[in-house]
């Protein structure tokens, strides 16, 4: 199988793109070990601990 890369460039709240991307990443990891994950621009906010999505009405 070829290498697969996931690029996260949007903030974790406001849209479901970040959550759906992480779900796709987890599903793909069951099929292959050759994955790369990149967090760029606002995507780095997905890595911060202690987020409170309830405050912005997100999951």
C-alpha atoms as a PDB file:
ATOM      1  CA  UNK A   1       0.000   0.000   0.000  1.00  0.00           C
ATOM      2  CA  UNK A   2       1.150   3.541  -0.655  1.00  0.00           C
ATOM      3  CA  UNK A   3       1.973   6.112   1.967  1.00  0.00           C
ATOM      4  CA  UNK A   4      -0.919   8.195   3.228  1.00  0.00           C
ATOM      5  CA  UNK A   5      -0.632  11.685   4.708  1.00  0.00           C
ATOM      6  CA  UNK A   6      -3.247  13.664   6.603  1.00  0.00           C
ATOM      7  CA  UNK A   7      -2.942  17.452   6.741  1.00  0.00           C
ATOM      8  CA  UNK A   8      -4.931  19.346   9.359  1.00  0.00           C
ATOM      9  CA  UNK A   9      -5.056  23.085   8.694  1.00  0.00           C
ATOM     10  CA  UNK A  10      -8.329  24.205  10.292  1.00  0.00           C
ATOM     11  CA  UNK A  11      -9.193  25.060  13.870  1.00  0.00           C
ATOM     12  CA  UNK A  12     -10.835  22.263  15.864  1.00  0.00           C
ATOM     13  CA  UNK A  13     -14.020  24.224  16.586  1.00  0.00           C
ATOM     14  CA  UNK A  14     -16.514  25.845  14.258  1.00  0.00           C
ATOM     15  CA  UNK A  15     -16.567  23.056  11.668  1.00  0.00           C
ATOM     16  CA  UNK A  16     -16.575  19.282  11.788  1.00  0.00           C
ATOM     17  CA  UNK A  17     -13.542  19.042   9.486  1.00  0.00           C
ATOM     18  CA  UNK A  18     -11.062  18.419  12.290  1.00  0.00           C
ATOM     19  CA  UNK A  19     -13.157  15.739  13.956  1.00  0.00           C
ATOM     20  CA  UNK A  20     -13.935  14.004  10.661  1.00  0.00           C
ATOM     21  CA  UNK A  21     -10.269  14.111   9.689  1.00  0.00           C
ATOM     22  CA  UNK A  22      -9.246  12.458  12.951  1.00  0.00           C
ATOM     23  CA  UNK A  23     -11.943   9.805  12.449  1.00  0.00           C
ATOM     24  CA  UNK A  24     -10.595   9.110   8.947  1.00  0.00           C
ATOM     25  CA  UNK A  25      -7.063   8.940  10.342  1.00  0.00           C
ATOM     26  CA  UNK A  26      -8.067   6.378  12.964  1.00  0.00           C
ATOM     27  CA  UNK A  27      -9.959   4.275  10.411  1.00  0.00           C
ATOM     28  CA  UNK A  28      -7.002   4.334   8.024  1.00  0.00           C
ATOM     29  CA  UNK A  29      -4.583   3.368  10.791  1.00  0.00           C
ATOM     30  CA  UNK A  30      -6.414   0.036  11.054  1.00  0.00           C
ATOM     31  CA  UNK A  31      -5.398  -0.709   7.453  1.00  0.00           C
ATOM     32  CA  UNK A  32      -1.823   0.559   7.274  1.00  0.00           C
ATOM     33  CA  UNK A  33       1.070   1.638   9.459  1.00  0.00           C
ATOM     34  CA  UNK A  34       2.578   3.909   6.826  1.00  0.00           C
ATOM     35  CA  UNK A  35       0.853   7.159   7.848  1.00  0.00           C
ATOM     36  CA  UNK A  36       2.014  10.727   8.237  1.00  0.00           C
ATOM     37  CA  UNK A  37       0.112  13.448  10.086  1.00  0.00           C
ATOM     38  CA  UNK A  38       0.788  17.159   9.657  1.00  0.00           C
ATOM     39  CA  UNK A  39      -0.757  19.963  11.695  1.00  0.00           C
ATOM     40  CA  UNK A  40      -0.230  23.342  10.023  1.00  0.00           C
ATOM     41  CA  UNK A  41      -1.655  26.852  10.448  1.00  0.00           C
ATOM     42  CA  UNK A  42      -4.779  26.730  12.661  1.00  0.00           C
ATOM     43  CA  UNK A  43      -4.585  22.934  12.713  1.00  0.00           C
ATOM     44  CA  UNK A  44      -2.007  23.109  15.512  1.00  0.00           C
ATOM     45  CA  UNK A  45      -4.817  24.150  17.875  1.00  0.00           C
ATOM     46  CA  UNK A  46      -6.078  20.557  17.708  1.00  0.00           C
ATOM     47  CA  UNK A  47      -2.987  19.539  19.693  1.00  0.00           C
ATOM     48  CA  UNK A  48      -3.611  21.826  22.679  1.00  0.00           C
ATOM     49  CA  UNK A  49      -4.734  20.153  25.921  1.00  0.00           C
ATOM     50  CA  UNK A  50      -7.610  21.401  28.064  1.00  0.00           C
ATOM     51  CA  UNK A  51      -9.919  22.535  25.283  1.00  0.00           C
ATOM     52  CA  UNK A  52     -13.550  23.141  26.227  1.00  0.00           C
ATOM     53  CA  UNK A  53     -15.690  22.522  23.140  1.00  0.00           C
ATOM     54  CA  UNK A  54     -18.897  22.944  25.167  1.00  0.00           C
ATOM     55  CA  UNK A  55     -18.081  26.643  25.503  1.00  0.00           C
ATOM     56  CA  UNK A  56     -18.426  27.077  21.721  1.00  0.00           C
ATOM     57  CA  UNK A  57     -21.233  24.532  21.327  1.00  0.00           C
ATOM     58  CA  UNK A  58     -19.069  21.923  19.586  1.00  0.00           C
ATOM     59  CA  UNK A  59     -18.309  18.292  20.297  1.00  0.00           C
END
